[in-house]
Amino acid sequence: MSIWVIFKLVGSLALLMFGMKALSEGLQKMAGPQLRSVLQKKTTNRFIGVIKGMFVTASIQSSTATTLMAVSFVNTGLLTLAQAISIIMGAHIGTTVTAWIMSFGFAYDIVDFVYVAFLLGIVLIYSKKRKNVGDFLFGLGFLFLGLGTLRQTGIDINMGENQAILDFFKEFGSGNAWTTIVFLTLGTVLTLCVQSSAAIMAITMILCSTGVLPVEQGIILVLGENIGTTITSNIAAIGSNVSARRTAFSHLFINVVGVFWVLCVLHPFVNMACSLVGFDLDIQKGDPGYEANLKKVSFVLATFHSAFNIANTFIMIWFVKHIEKVVCMIIKPKNETQDEDSRLIFITAGLMSTPELSILNAKKEIGVFADRCKRMYDLTVMLFSTEKNEEFNKLFSRVEKYERITDNMEVEIADYLTKVSEGRLSTESKTEIQHMLRVVSELESIGDSCYNLARSMSRKRQYSQEDYTDKLKDHIHNIMDLDVQALDQMCIVVKYGEQRYVDINKSYNLEHEINNYRNQLKNQNIIDINNRLYDYQMGVFYMDIVSECEKLGDYIINVIEASGIKEKKANGF
């Protein structure tokens, strides 16, 4: 085999992988937001969860994407672990559509038709309105071009006549335990290395369709691919929280158990798949009808892949609660509680498989950022009411720590979004990233404002032993309460504004109320100083806090406006 043939094989495999990725990204751009909303709605029972997982995965051609979305929704409490497990089971069935697409690509010469897809794709891409459909057609075209080239290369090099390759596979006897272990491990490791079960499925199909690899050994490779593709999501979950790791591990657990039981009944299962397709295991090379029989091999692999995942789901769905218990026993939370210094939760594992999924994770992280800002302000409110110096100093140190955390979160989320923006994004997603970048900037300003409040309280404590009058304390508590309400409403908008109707007029009404109250207190402060109810310096300390509370209200409104929710509601979304 010449070096150019090897390059052609590897290059066509790379083209297939690129096509699969582009196809999945195009589908996610077209239907991603709608499919995410389907997944995140509470599932009434496990069967509905399976149907959802199956439908979403078949629609976007990526079980990894479905699993990552399920992980994200478990993290935010939108789904329970049991619901996520049922969705993952459905994803296992939905991903078998990929094998059927590839089997048609191997069984029939469809390379000539891909150029029609390329022509339509480029026209739609330049039309802009249908750009996502064009991306999908290009992905489909590259996928079939890669499959066709791989198939033709296998035929041209006459792999079935290559004695060295034939002798290599003959060393592994059919049906013994050693062969099963070797091919199961090989399928797992190759999928893990390539990070694409579709690519290894294509290799398996070309080996089997040229007669080099016996069907049963090819099926064992397919089982190994099922395990390998689940390890990818577990690697992605490293460094994430316990919910993410449990959901990813359940993905692995379900397939490992499934592979174990199907190996116990492998021969009947293989015979069933062959009989459904009409493939005759007894026809050997040189027998009449051998070539026609070989053309059915890819369909045998696709049939087995579907039958295995359907059967495994049908069995495992009755044990969802038990799987949940086992996963929780194996993946235990860390002994220490979530530390305040732990900054990022959703984007610690880096960029997801597609930019659209990365945006979803960034949104969740921004929701955490908003909650941290609210918690920081709660500490500031507690600081104002603290009398003992020791307790005051401890609380002030915590506020300082939160200020550093908000600074770091702004930089880290902004860097993450910048990397995401370098990917292939729809126009809507690009606009969304711009909104998100402004939101994180304004949230950091809220953190700065909380820290300025704490410093104002510290300065007053340092330079004046005189206490505020009860009237001044009431005024400060009142304006702080308004800020608390505004922050609560802001967190709702940031976290749930896209998922359900949110009345942003509440935020604007609160901001007007804060402004009017600040003006009222400012005027009253001058009168009270003139009436000698307290000295001028006390009035300065007092107005520093009131003015900073009003500024914080402005930053909150900036977050609301930056989120783009107002524009979406105005457009009827």
Protein backbone atom coordinates (compact mmCIF):
# COMPACT_ATOMS: atom_id res chain seq x y z
CA MET A 1 0.00 0.00 0.00
CA SER A 2 1.60 3.28 -1.15
CA ILE A 3 1.91 6.40 0.99
CA TRP A 4 -0.57 8.22 -1.27
CA VAL A 5 -3.22 5.58 -0.71
CA ILE A 6 -2.76 5.96 3.04
CA PHE A 7 -3.10 9.73 2.67
CA LYS A 8 -6.26 9.22 0.62
CA LEU A 9 -7.76 6.91 3.26
CA VAL A 10 -6.91 9.22 6.15
CA GLY A 11 -7.94 12.32 4.17
CA SER A 12 -11.33 10.88 3.25
CA LEU A 13 -11.82 9.93 6.91
CA ALA A 14 -10.98 13.51 7.90
CA LEU A 15 -13.47 14.78 5.28
CA LEU A 16 -16.12 12.48 6.76
CA MET A 17 -15.45 13.76 10.30
CA PHE A 18 -15.56 17.39 9.13
CA GLY A 19 -18.81 16.71 7.28
CA MET A 20 -20.34 15.12 10.38
CA LYS A 21 -19.31 18.11 12.49
CA ALA A 22 -20.58 20.65 9.96
CA LEU A 23 -23.84 18.71 9.57
CA SER A 24 -24.41 18.69 13.33
CA GLU A 25 -23.54 22.38 13.68
CA GLY A 26 -25.88 23.32 10.84
CA LEU A 27 -28.73 21.37 12.41
CA GLN A 28 -28.07 22.95 15.81
CA LYS A 29 -28.09 26.43 14.30
CA MET A 30 -31.42 25.72 12.62
CA ALA A 31 -33.17 24.03 15.51
CA GLY A 32 -30.87 24.34 18.55
CA PRO A 33 -32.84 26.91 20.61
CA GLN A 34 -36.17 25.13 20.01
CA LEU A 35 -34.67 21.72 20.83
CA ARG A 36 -33.05 23.09 24.01
CA SER A 37 -36.46 24.35 25.13
CA VAL A 38 -37.91 20.87 24.45
CA LEU A 39 -35.23 19.25 26.63
CA GLN A 40 -35.35 21.68 29.56
CA LYS A 41 -39.10 21.36 30.10
CA LYS A 42 -39.94 19.04 32.95
CA THR A 43 -40.61 15.49 31.73
CA THR A 44 -43.72 13.86 33.15
CA ASN A 45 -42.26 10.34 33.05
CA ARG A 46 -39.22 8.38 31.91
CA PHE A 47 -40.79 7.35 28.58
CA ILE A 48 -41.36 10.98 27.59
CA GLY A 49 -37.69 11.61 28.50
CA VAL A 50 -36.56 8.81 26.17
CA ILE A 51 -38.68 10.18 23.32
CA LYS A 52 -37.25 13.68 23.88
CA GLY A 53 -33.66 12.43 23.90
CA MET A 54 -34.26 10.33 20.79
CA PHE A 55 -35.95 13.19 18.90
CA VAL A 56 -33.36 15.83 19.79
CA THR A 57 -30.36 13.59 19.01
CA ALA A 58 -31.82 12.45 15.69
CA SER A 59 -32.49 16.11 14.83
CA ILE A 60 -28.99 17.44 15.58
CA GLN A 61 -27.04 14.23 14.86
CA SER A 62 -25.01 14.43 18.06
CA SER A 63 -25.60 12.35 21.18
CA THR A 64 -22.72 14.25 22.83
CA ALA A 65 -24.56 17.55 22.30
CA THR A 66 -27.76 16.11 23.81
CA THR A 67 -25.85 14.70 26.78
CA LEU A 68 -24.08 18.02 27.41
CA MET A 69 -27.38 19.89 27.29
CA ALA A 70 -28.86 17.39 29.78
CA VAL A 71 -25.81 17.88 32.05
CA SER A 72 -26.27 21.64 31.91
CA PHE A 73 -29.97 21.43 32.79
CA VAL A 74 -29.25 19.11 35.73
CA ASN A 75 -26.73 21.67 37.01
CA THR A 76 -29.34 24.42 37.00
CA GLY A 77 -32.07 22.28 38.54
CA LEU A 78 -34.24 22.28 35.40
CA LEU A 79 -33.92 18.49 35.24
CA THR A 80 -33.40 15.86 37.90
CA LEU A 81 -30.68 13.25 37.45
CA ALA A 82 -33.34 10.58 36.81
CA GLN A 83 -34.90 12.70 34.05
CA ALA A 84 -31.48 13.28 32.49
CA ILE A 85 -30.80 9.53 32.53
CA SER A 86 -33.98 8.84 30.55
CA ILE A 87 -33.02 11.56 28.03
CA ILE A 88 -29.56 10.00 27.64
CA MET A 89 -31.17 6.62 26.96
CA GLY A 90 -33.18 8.24 24.20
CA ALA A 91 -30.00 9.85 22.85
CA HIS A 92 -28.49 6.37 22.48
CA ILE A 93 -31.33 5.45 20.13
CA GLY A 94 -31.28 8.78 18.27
CA THR A 95 -27.58 8.52 17.49
CA THR A 96 -28.14 5.28 15.53
CA VAL A 97 -29.54 7.40 12.69
CA THR A 98 -25.92 8.31 11.90
CA ALA A 99 -25.08 4.64 11.27
CA TRP A 100 -28.00 4.34 8.85
CA ILE A 101 -26.90 7.45 6.92
CA MET A 102 -23.41 5.97 6.63
CA SER A 103 -24.68 2.54 5.62
CA PHE A 104 -26.51 4.07 2.65
CA GLY A 105 -23.33 5.93 1.76
CA PHE A 106 -21.38 2.65 1.66
CA ALA A 107 -24.02 0.56 -0.05
CA TYR A 108 -24.70 2.99 -2.92
CA ASP A 109 -22.48 5.23 -5.03
CA ILE A 110 -23.90 8.66 -4.18
CA VAL A 111 -20.78 10.79 -4.72
CA ASP A 112 -22.21 12.35 -7.92
CA PHE A 113 -25.22 13.65 -6.00
CA VAL A 114 -23.15 15.53 -3.39
CA TYR A 115 -22.28 18.22 -5.91
CA VAL A 116 -25.96 19.13 -6.12
CA ALA A 117 -25.89 19.60 -2.33
CA PHE A 118 -22.77 21.78 -2.65
CA LEU A 119 -24.39 23.93 -5.35
CA LEU A 120 -27.60 24.45 -3.38
CA GLY A 121 -25.57 24.98 -0.20
CA ILE A 122 -23.44 27.80 -1.60
CA VAL A 123 -26.53 29.54 -3.04
CA LEU A 124 -28.29 29.40 0.34
CA ILE A 125 -25.19 30.52 2.24
CA TYR A 126 -24.93 33.68 0.13
CA SER A 127 -28.66 34.30 0.47
CA LYS A 128 -27.97 34.87 4.22
CA LYS A 129 -31.59 34.22 5.24
CA ARG A 130 -31.08 30.48 4.65
CA LYS A 131 -27.40 30.39 5.61
CA ASN A 132 -27.95 27.70 8.27
CA VAL A 133 -29.66 25.42 5.71
CA GLY A 134 -26.67 25.97 3.41
CA ASP A 135 -24.27 24.98 6.20
CA PHE A 136 -26.32 21.81 6.74
CA LEU A 137 -26.21 20.90 3.02
CA PHE A 138 -22.46 21.49 2.89
CA GLY A 139 -22.00 19.24 5.93
CA LEU A 140 -24.16 16.54 4.35
CA GLY A 141 -22.23 16.86 1.09
CA PHE A 142 -18.83 16.56 2.78
CA LEU A 143 -20.09 13.58 4.82
CA PHE A 144 -21.20 11.63 1.73
CA LEU A 145 -18.14 12.71 -0.26
CA GLY A 146 -15.91 11.37 2.52
CA LEU A 147 -17.91 8.13 2.69
CA GLY A 148 -17.87 7.68 -1.08
CA THR A 149 -14.13 8.36 -1.34
CA LEU A 150 -13.42 5.98 1.54
CA ARG A 151 -15.57 3.28 -0.08
CA GLN A 152 -13.96 3.70 -3.51
CA THR A 153 -10.43 3.73 -2.07
CA GLY A 154 -11.18 0.45 -0.30
CA ILE A 155 -12.35 -1.03 -3.61
CA ASP A 156 -9.40 0.36 -5.60
CA ILE A 157 -6.73 -1.07 -3.30
CA ASN A 158 -8.57 -4.42 -3.36
CA MET A 159 -8.30 -4.75 0.40
CA GLY A 160 -10.10 -8.10 0.32
CA GLU A 161 -7.23 -9.57 -1.70
CA ASN A 162 -4.43 -8.18 0.48
CA GLN A 163 -3.00 -11.30 2.06
CA ALA A 164 -1.15 -9.44 4.86
CA ILE A 165 -4.36 -7.82 6.08
CA LEU A 166 -6.32 -11.05 5.73
CA ASP A 167 -3.69 -13.00 7.69
CA PHE A 168 -3.70 -10.38 10.45
CA PHE A 169 -7.44 -10.73 11.08
CA LYS A 170 -7.33 -14.53 10.70
CA GLU A 171 -5.09 -14.65 13.77
CA PHE A 172 -8.15 -13.76 15.81
CA GLY A 173 -10.46 -16.72 15.95
CA SER A 174 -14.16 -15.99 15.69
CA GLY A 175 -16.27 -16.49 18.81
CA ASN A 176 -13.58 -16.85 21.49
CA ALA A 177 -13.21 -14.65 24.57
CA TRP A 178 -9.77 -13.31 23.61
CA THR A 179 -11.05 -11.97 20.25
CA THR A 180 -14.02 -10.36 21.99
CA ILE A 181 -11.81 -8.57 24.52
CA VAL A 182 -9.33 -7.40 21.87
CA PHE A 183 -11.93 -5.97 19.47
CA LEU A 184 -14.02 -4.47 22.26
CA THR A 185 -10.92 -2.71 23.61
CA LEU A 186 -9.83 -1.69 20.13
CA GLY A 187 -13.23 -0.09 19.36
CA THR A 188 -13.21 1.75 22.70
CA VAL A 189 -9.64 3.05 22.42
CA LEU A 190 -9.93 4.11 18.76
CA THR A 191 -13.16 6.02 19.44
CA LEU A 192 -11.56 7.67 22.45
CA CYS A 193 -8.48 8.68 20.43
CA VAL A 194 -10.34 9.93 17.37
CA GLN A 195 -13.16 11.48 19.47
CA SER A 196 -15.65 10.38 16.82
CA SER A 197 -17.68 7.18 16.88
CA ALA A 198 -18.85 7.99 13.32
CA ALA A 199 -15.27 7.80 12.03
CA ILE A 200 -14.64 4.40 13.64
CA MET A 201 -18.01 3.18 12.40
CA ALA A 202 -16.91 4.16 8.88
CA ILE A 203 -13.63 2.22 9.29
CA THR A 204 -15.57 -0.80 10.56
CA MET A 205 -17.93 -0.65 7.58
CA ILE A 206 -15.14 -0.47 5.03
CA LEU A 207 -13.30 -3.41 6.64
CA CYS A 208 -16.46 -5.52 6.72
CA SER A 209 -17.76 -4.48 3.28
CA THR A 210 -14.47 -5.51 1.63
CA GLY A 211 -14.58 -8.92 3.29
CA VAL A 212 -11.46 -8.30 5.39
CA LEU A 213 -13.20 -8.31 8.77
CA PRO A 214 -15.83 -10.93 9.73
CA VAL A 215 -19.24 -9.47 10.59
CA GLU A 216 -19.20 -10.70 14.19
CA GLN A 217 -15.85 -9.04 14.91
CA GLY A 218 -17.12 -5.86 13.26
CA ILE A 219 -20.14 -5.92 15.57
CA ILE A 220 -17.86 -6.25 18.60
CA LEU A 221 -15.98 -3.17 17.34
CA VAL A 222 -19.34 -1.35 17.19
CA LEU A 223 -19.96 -2.29 20.84
CA GLY A 224 -16.54 -0.88 21.74
CA GLU A 225 -17.45 2.34 19.92
CA ASN A 226 -20.56 2.61 22.11
CA ILE A 227 -18.34 2.61 25.20
CA GLY A 228 -15.68 4.90 23.72
CA THR A 229 -18.13 7.65 22.84
CA THR A 230 -19.38 7.80 26.45
CA ILE A 231 -15.86 8.21 27.85
CA THR A 232 -15.58 11.47 25.87
CA SER A 233 -18.39 13.08 27.86
CA ASN A 234 -16.83 11.86 31.13
CA ILE A 235 -13.54 13.53 30.20
CA ALA A 236 -15.45 16.74 29.41
CA ALA A 237 -17.10 16.55 32.86
CA ILE A 238 -13.78 16.43 34.73
CA GLY A 239 -13.55 19.56 36.85
CA SER A 240 -17.30 20.12 36.70
CA ASN A 241 -19.64 19.84 39.67
CA VAL A 242 -20.99 16.58 41.05
CA SER A 243 -24.25 16.74 39.03
CA ALA A 244 -22.33 17.00 35.76
CA ARG A 245 -20.04 14.10 36.68
CA ARG A 246 -22.97 11.91 37.75
CA THR A 247 -24.89 12.59 34.55
CA ALA A 248 -21.82 11.87 32.39
CA PHE A 249 -21.04 8.69 34.36
CA SER A 250 -24.61 7.44 33.94
CA HIS A 251 -24.00 7.74 30.16
CA LEU A 252 -21.01 5.38 30.52
CA PHE A 253 -22.70 3.06 33.04
CA ILE A 254 -25.76 2.42 30.83
CA ASN A 255 -23.65 1.41 27.82
CA VAL A 256 -21.15 -0.70 29.78
CA VAL A 257 -23.98 -2.71 31.37
CA GLY A 258 -25.65 -2.98 27.96
CA VAL A 259 -22.49 -4.29 26.30
CA PHE A 260 -22.03 -6.84 29.10
CA TRP A 261 -25.48 -8.40 28.73
CA VAL A 262 -25.50 -8.35 24.91
CA LEU A 263 -22.16 -10.23 24.83
CA CYS A 264 -23.91 -13.03 26.73
CA VAL A 265 -26.44 -13.39 23.88
CA LEU A 266 -24.22 -12.16 21.05
CA HIS A 267 -24.74 -15.00 18.57
CA PRO A 268 -28.57 -14.92 18.64
CA PHE A 269 -28.43 -11.12 18.43
CA VAL A 270 -26.09 -11.21 15.40
CA ASN A 271 -28.24 -13.83 13.69
CA MET A 272 -31.33 -11.69 14.26
CA ALA A 273 -29.66 -8.60 12.73
CA CYS A 274 -28.46 -10.62 9.73
CA SER A 275 -31.87 -12.18 9.12
CA LEU A 276 -33.59 -8.79 9.25
CA VAL A 277 -31.28 -7.47 6.54
CA GLY A 278 -31.17 -10.70 4.55
CA PHE A 279 -27.42 -11.23 5.03
CA ASP A 280 -26.24 -14.84 4.79
CA LEU A 281 -23.42 -15.65 7.21
CA ASP A 282 -22.73 -18.99 5.50
CA ILE A 283 -21.77 -17.51 2.11
CA GLN A 284 -17.99 -17.55 1.80
CA LYS A 285 -15.62 -15.91 -0.62
CA GLY A 286 -15.92 -17.50 -4.06
CA ASP A 287 -19.51 -18.65 -3.52
CA PRO A 288 -22.24 -17.39 -5.88
CA GLY A 289 -23.81 -14.15 -4.61
CA TYR A 290 -20.82 -13.28 -2.41
CA GLU A 291 -20.43 -9.72 -3.77
CA ALA A 292 -24.17 -8.99 -3.47
CA ASN A 293 -24.11 -10.34 0.07
CA LEU A 294 -21.18 -8.09 1.03
CA LYS A 295 -23.16 -4.97 0.01
CA LYS A 296 -25.56 -5.72 2.85
CA VAL A 297 -22.85 -5.71 5.55
CA SER A 298 -23.13 -2.00 6.31
CA PHE A 299 -26.87 -2.44 6.87
CA VAL A 300 -26.17 -5.37 9.22
CA LEU A 301 -23.95 -3.11 11.35
CA ALA A 302 -26.54 -0.31 11.35
CA THR A 303 -29.34 -2.78 12.22
CA PHE A 304 -27.33 -4.27 15.07
CA HIS A 305 -26.43 -0.78 16.35
CA SER A 306 -30.11 0.24 16.40
CA ALA A 307 -31.36 -3.07 17.80
CA PHE A 308 -28.78 -3.06 20.59
CA ASN A 309 -29.55 0.50 21.70
CA ILE A 310 -33.32 0.02 21.50
CA ALA A 311 -33.15 -3.25 23.45
CA ASN A 312 -30.77 -1.80 26.03
CA THR A 313 -33.02 1.23 26.54
CA PHE A 314 -36.11 -0.96 26.83
CA ILE A 315 -34.40 -3.02 29.57
CA MET A 316 -32.67 -0.19 31.45
CA ILE A 317 -35.63 2.20 31.47
CA TRP A 318 -37.29 0.12 34.20
CA PHE A 319 -34.23 0.63 36.43
CA VAL A 320 -33.75 4.40 36.16
CA LYS A 321 -34.11 4.93 39.92
CA HIS A 322 -31.65 2.12 40.62
CA ILE A 323 -29.16 3.54 38.11
CA GLU A 324 -29.50 6.91 39.82
CA LYS A 325 -28.70 5.34 43.21
CA VAL A 326 -25.68 3.45 41.84
CA VAL A 327 -24.31 6.56 40.12
CA CYS A 328 -24.77 8.63 43.30
CA MET A 329 -22.97 5.94 45.32
CA ILE A 330 -20.01 5.88 42.93
CA ILE A 331 -19.74 9.64 42.24
CA LYS A 332 -19.84 11.18 45.69
CA PRO A 333 -19.70 14.93 46.40
CA LYS A 334 -16.51 16.31 47.86
CA ASN A 335 -16.41 16.52 51.63
CA GLU A 336 -15.90 20.25 51.61
CA THR A 337 -18.81 22.47 50.64
CA GLN A 338 -18.71 24.73 47.62
CA ASP A 339 -16.15 27.35 48.54
CA GLU A 340 -16.81 30.99 47.84
CA ASP A 341 -13.52 31.15 45.98
CA SER A 342 -14.73 28.53 43.47
CA ARG A 343 -15.53 30.78 40.55
CA LEU A 344 -16.59 29.01 37.40
CA ILE A 345 -18.99 26.07 37.33
CA PHE A 346 -20.24 25.53 33.79
CA ILE A 347 -17.29 26.51 31.61
CA THR A 348 -14.45 24.89 33.57
CA ALA A 349 -14.19 22.07 31.03
CA GLY A 350 -13.47 24.46 28.15
CA LEU A 351 -15.33 24.91 24.88
CA MET A 352 -18.09 22.43 24.11
CA SER A 353 -18.41 20.39 20.93
CA THR A 354 -20.12 23.26 19.09
CA PRO A 355 -20.21 27.05 19.59
CA GLU A 356 -23.99 26.93 20.15
CA LEU A 357 -23.51 24.64 23.17
CA SER A 358 -20.69 26.83 24.45
CA ILE A 359 -23.07 29.81 24.41
CA LEU A 360 -25.54 27.81 26.47
CA ASN A 361 -22.87 27.08 29.09
CA ALA A 362 -21.81 30.75 29.15
CA LYS A 363 -25.43 31.77 29.81
CA LYS A 364 -25.58 29.46 32.79
CA GLU A 365 -22.28 30.85 34.07
CA ILE A 366 -23.60 34.41 33.77
CA GLY A 367 -26.60 33.31 35.85
CA VAL A 368 -24.13 32.14 38.53
CA PHE A 369 -22.32 35.51 38.22
CA ALA A 370 -25.61 37.34 38.87
CA ASP A 371 -26.29 35.18 41.94
CA ARG A 372 -22.80 35.92 43.28
CA CYS A 373 -23.40 39.67 42.89
CA LYS A 374 -26.68 39.31 44.81
CA ARG A 375 -24.92 37.34 47.55
CA MET A 376 -22.20 40.01 47.73
CA TYR A 377 -24.83 42.71 48.23
CA ASP A 378 -26.51 40.62 50.96
CA LEU A 379 -23.16 40.57 52.77
CA THR A 380 -22.94 44.35 52.40
CA VAL A 381 -26.42 44.74 53.94
CA MET A 382 -25.33 42.53 56.84
CA LEU A 383 -22.19 44.63 57.18
CA PHE A 384 -24.25 47.79 57.78
CA SER A 385 -26.12 46.14 60.65
CA THR A 386 -23.01 44.65 62.29
CA GLU A 387 -21.90 46.35 65.51
CA LYS A 388 -18.96 44.29 66.79
CA ASN A 389 -15.62 45.16 65.24
CA GLU A 390 -14.47 41.54 64.92
CA GLU A 391 -17.62 40.48 63.06
CA PHE A 392 -17.43 43.62 60.91
CA ASN A 393 -13.84 42.86 59.88
CA LYS A 394 -14.73 39.23 58.98
CA LEU A 395 -17.66 40.34 56.85
CA PHE A 396 -15.59 43.09 55.20
CA SER A 397 -12.94 40.48 54.28
CA ARG A 398 -15.62 38.34 52.65
CA VAL A 399 -16.87 41.33 50.65
CA GLU A 400 -13.28 41.98 49.53
CA LYS A 401 -12.96 38.34 48.45
CA TYR A 402 -16.19 38.59 46.46
CA GLU A 403 -14.90 41.74 44.76
CA ARG A 404 -11.85 39.80 43.55
CA ILE A 405 -14.10 36.94 42.45
CA THR A 406 -16.32 39.25 40.39
CA ASP A 407 -13.25 40.78 38.73
CA ASN A 408 -11.92 37.33 37.81
CA MET A 409 -15.32 36.06 36.64
CA GLU A 410 -15.69 39.00 34.28
CA VAL A 411 -12.30 38.33 32.69
CA GLU A 412 -12.73 34.54 32.47
CA ILE A 413 -16.26 34.63 31.04
CA ALA A 414 -15.30 37.39 28.58
CA ASP A 415 -12.26 35.38 27.43
CA TYR A 416 -14.45 32.30 27.00
CA LEU A 417 -17.02 34.24 24.94
CA THR A 418 -14.25 35.71 22.81
CA LYS A 419 -13.02 32.19 21.98
CA VAL A 420 -16.59 31.09 21.21
CA SER A 421 -17.06 34.04 18.86
CA GLU A 422 -14.15 32.75 16.76
CA GLY A 423 -16.25 29.71 15.79
CA ARG A 424 -18.91 29.40 13.09
CA LEU A 425 -21.94 31.19 14.52
CA SER A 426 -25.32 32.28 13.28
CA THR A 427 -26.07 36.02 13.18
CA GLU A 428 -28.40 35.63 16.17
CA SER A 429 -25.65 33.94 18.19
CA LYS A 430 -23.16 36.69 17.39
CA THR A 431 -25.63 39.30 18.61
CA GLU A 432 -26.23 37.18 21.70
CA ILE A 433 -22.52 37.12 22.52
CA GLN A 434 -22.37 40.91 22.25
CA HIS A 435 -25.24 41.17 24.76
CA MET A 436 -23.53 38.68 27.08
CA LEU A 437 -20.21 40.54 27.02
CA ARG A 438 -21.96 43.74 28.06
CA VAL A 439 -23.89 41.91 30.80
CA VAL A 440 -20.71 40.54 32.41
CA SER A 441 -19.17 44.01 32.32
CA GLU A 442 -22.19 45.53 34.08
CA LEU A 443 -22.29 42.69 36.63
CA GLU A 444 -18.67 43.43 37.50
CA SER A 445 -19.70 47.07 38.02
CA ILE A 446 -22.31 45.86 40.51
CA GLY A 447 -19.52 44.04 42.37
CA ASP A 448 -17.47 47.25 42.41
CA SER A 449 -20.49 49.17 43.70
CA CYS A 450 -21.00 46.68 46.55
CA TYR A 451 -17.33 47.03 47.46
CA ASN A 452 -17.60 50.84 47.42
CA LEU A 453 -20.54 50.58 49.82
CA ALA A 454 -18.52 48.38 52.15
CA ARG A 455 -15.59 50.84 52.04
CA SER A 456 -17.92 53.75 52.83
CA MET A 457 -19.14 51.86 55.89
CA SER A 458 -15.54 51.06 56.87
CA ARG A 459 -14.46 54.72 56.53
CA LYS A 460 -17.36 55.90 58.67
CA ARG A 461 -16.44 53.32 61.33
CA GLN A 462 -12.80 54.39 61.18
CA TYR A 463 -13.24 58.17 61.37
CA SER A 464 -16.41 58.56 63.41
CA GLN A 465 -17.45 56.84 66.62
CA GLU A 466 -20.84 58.53 66.48
CA ASP A 467 -23.68 56.28 65.36
CA TYR A 468 -26.32 57.05 62.75
CA THR A 469 -29.63 58.29 64.09
CA ASP A 470 -32.51 55.82 63.99
CA LYS A 471 -34.10 57.89 61.24
CA LEU A 472 -30.97 57.68 59.05
CA LYS A 473 -30.70 53.94 59.69
CA ASP A 474 -34.30 53.48 58.55
CA HIS A 475 -33.63 55.47 55.38
CA ILE A 476 -30.54 53.41 54.54
CA HIS A 477 -32.39 50.14 55.21
CA ASN A 478 -35.25 51.30 52.98
CA ILE A 479 -33.05 52.14 49.98
CA MET A 480 -31.09 48.91 50.51
CA ASP A 481 -34.36 46.94 50.48
CA LEU A 482 -35.22 48.52 47.13
CA ASP A 483 -31.82 47.44 45.79
CA VAL A 484 -32.41 43.89 47.07
CA GLN A 485 -35.74 43.74 45.20
CA ALA A 486 -34.07 45.11 42.06
CA LEU A 487 -31.26 42.53 42.30
CA ASP A 488 -33.77 39.70 42.77
CA GLN A 489 -35.63 40.82 39.67
CA MET A 490 -32.34 41.16 37.75
CA CYS A 491 -31.36 37.57 38.58
CA ILE A 492 -34.72 36.34 37.26
CA VAL A 493 -34.22 38.25 33.99
CA VAL A 494 -30.62 37.04 33.53
CA LYS A 495 -31.37 33.38 34.30
CA TYR A 496 -34.91 32.88 32.99
CA GLY A 497 -35.65 35.81 30.65
CA GLU A 498 -35.38 33.62 27.53
CA GLN A 499 -37.34 30.70 28.90
CA ARG A 500 -40.48 32.41 30.14
CA TYR A 501 -42.20 35.77 30.13
CA VAL A 502 -40.50 38.23 32.47
CA ASP A 503 -42.05 41.64 33.21
CA ILE A 504 -39.03 43.94 32.95
CA ASN A 505 -41.25 46.93 33.82
CA LYS A 506 -40.83 45.87 37.46
CA SER A 507 -37.12 46.59 37.17
CA TYR A 508 -37.70 50.02 35.62
CA ASN A 509 -40.29 50.89 38.27
CA LEU A 510 -37.87 49.93 41.04
CA GLU A 511 -35.10 52.00 39.45
CA HIS A 512 -37.39 55.07 39.29
CA GLU A 513 -38.35 54.48 42.92
CA ILE A 514 -34.68 54.31 43.95
CA ASN A 515 -33.89 57.54 42.06
CA ASN A 516 -36.83 59.41 43.58
CA TYR A 517 -36.00 58.15 47.07
CA ARG A 518 -32.35 59.20 46.66
CA ASN A 519 -33.45 62.72 45.61
CA GLN A 520 -35.82 62.91 48.55
CA LEU A 521 -33.13 61.85 51.03
CA LYS A 522 -30.60 64.24 49.49
CA ASN A 523 -32.93 67.21 49.99
CA GLN A 524 -33.89 66.06 53.47
CA ASN A 525 -30.21 65.65 54.40
CA ILE A 526 -29.54 69.36 53.77
CA ILE A 527 -32.53 70.34 55.92
CA ASP A 528 -31.49 68.01 58.75
CA ILE A 529 -27.89 69.36 58.75
CA ASN A 530 -29.19 72.93 58.86
CA ASN A 531 -31.46 71.95 61.76
CA ARG A 532 -28.36 70.48 63.50
CA LEU A 533 -29.90 67.00 63.86
CA TYR A 534 -26.40 65.70 63.05
CA ASP A 535 -23.15 67.23 61.88
CA TYR A 536 -21.99 67.78 58.29
CA GLN A 537 -19.46 64.91 58.31
CA MET A 538 -22.17 62.44 59.39
CA GLY A 539 -24.26 63.73 56.48
CA VAL A 540 -21.36 63.04 54.11
CA PHE A 541 -21.01 59.42 55.30
CA TYR A 542 -24.77 59.00 55.07
CA MET A 543 -25.06 60.39 51.52
CA ASP A 544 -22.08 58.31 50.34
CA ILE A 545 -24.09 55.17 51.11
CA VAL A 546 -27.35 56.54 49.66
CA SER A 547 -25.64 57.71 46.44
CA GLU A 548 -23.85 54.37 45.98
CA CYS A 549 -27.14 52.52 46.44
CA GLU A 550 -28.63 54.68 43.67
CA LYS A 551 -25.63 53.96 41.40
CA LEU A 552 -26.10 50.25 42.02
CA GLY A 553 -29.71 50.62 40.84
CA ASP A 554 -28.39 52.16 37.60
CA TYR A 555 -25.99 49.25 37.06
CA ILE A 556 -28.87 46.82 37.57
CA ILE A 557 -30.87 48.54 34.83
CA ASN A 558 -27.79 48.41 32.60
CA VAL A 559 -27.71 44.62 33.06
CA ILE A 560 -31.42 44.39 32.15
CA GLU A 561 -30.89 46.45 28.99
CA ALA A 562 -27.68 44.61 28.05
CA SER A 563 -29.42 41.24 28.28
CA GLY A 564 -31.52 42.13 25.25
CA ILE A 565 -34.71 40.85 26.90
CA LYS A 566 -36.42 44.17 26.27
CA GLU A 567 -35.80 43.87 22.54
CA LYS A 568 -37.07 40.29 22.44
CA LYS A 569 -40.26 41.14 24.31
CA ALA A 570 -40.81 44.13 22.08
CA ASN A 571 -40.61 41.85 19.06
CA GLY A 572 -43.20 39.53 20.53
CA PHE A 573 -40.95 36.68 21.70
